[in-house]
Protein backbone atom coordinates (compact mmCIF):
# COMPACT_ATOMS: atom_id res chain seq x y z
CA MET A 1 38.59 38.56 33.35
CA ARG A 2 39.87 40.89 36.05
CA ILE A 3 43.51 40.03 35.23
CA LYS A 4 42.91 40.51 31.52
CA SER A 5 41.41 43.97 31.99
CA THR A 6 44.34 44.93 34.20
CA LEU A 7 46.79 43.74 31.54
CA ASN A 8 44.90 45.70 28.90
CA ALA A 9 45.02 48.79 31.10
CA LEU A 10 48.81 48.42 31.42
CA ILE A 11 49.85 47.13 28.00
CA PHE A 12 47.80 49.30 25.65
CA PRO A 13 48.99 52.65 27.04
CA LEU A 14 52.56 51.36 26.83
CA LEU A 15 52.12 50.27 23.21
CA TYR A 16 50.41 53.56 22.41
CA MET A 17 53.26 55.50 24.02
CA LEU A 18 55.88 53.49 22.11
CA VAL A 19 54.10 54.08 18.80
CA TYR A 20 53.50 57.74 19.61
CA GLU A 21 57.11 58.23 20.69
CA GLY A 22 58.32 56.52 17.50
CA ILE A 23 56.15 58.76 15.33
CA PHE A 24 57.12 61.81 17.36
CA LYS A 25 60.86 61.14 17.15
CA THR A 26 60.92 60.22 13.45
CA ILE A 27 58.55 62.88 12.09
CA LEU A 28 57.91 65.71 14.54
CA LEU A 29 61.35 66.07 16.08
CA PRO A 30 63.16 66.99 12.82
CA PHE A 31 60.22 69.26 11.98
CA ILE A 32 60.48 71.04 15.34
CA ALA A 33 64.26 71.25 14.96
CA ALA A 34 63.84 72.88 11.54
CA ILE A 35 61.29 75.34 12.92
CA ASN A 36 63.60 76.18 15.83
CA ALA A 37 66.52 76.67 13.44
CA ILE A 38 64.40 79.15 11.48
CA LEU A 39 62.91 80.92 14.52
CA ILE A 40 65.97 81.15 16.80
CA PRO A 41 67.31 84.32 15.08
CA ILE A 42 63.83 85.87 15.15
CA PHE A 43 62.32 84.79 18.50
CA PRO A 44 65.01 83.51 20.88
CA ASP A 45 62.66 83.46 23.89
CA VAL A 46 60.03 81.33 22.17
CA CYS A 47 62.63 78.79 21.06
CA SER A 48 64.21 78.49 24.48
CA ILE A 49 60.73 77.64 25.81
CA ASN A 50 60.23 75.06 23.01
CA VAL A 51 63.49 73.32 23.91
CA LEU A 52 62.26 72.95 27.51
């Protein structure tokens, strides 16, 4: 049981990160890019922070 709990502790965060990264890259990244494209002329400082 100890090995199984250790595997769960390692595997589930990895799976969660992969799913989260997939969702983030497919949905949020274009959205953030669009927002930055709109805001760059208005607030250059804010957008340079967002890129970081």
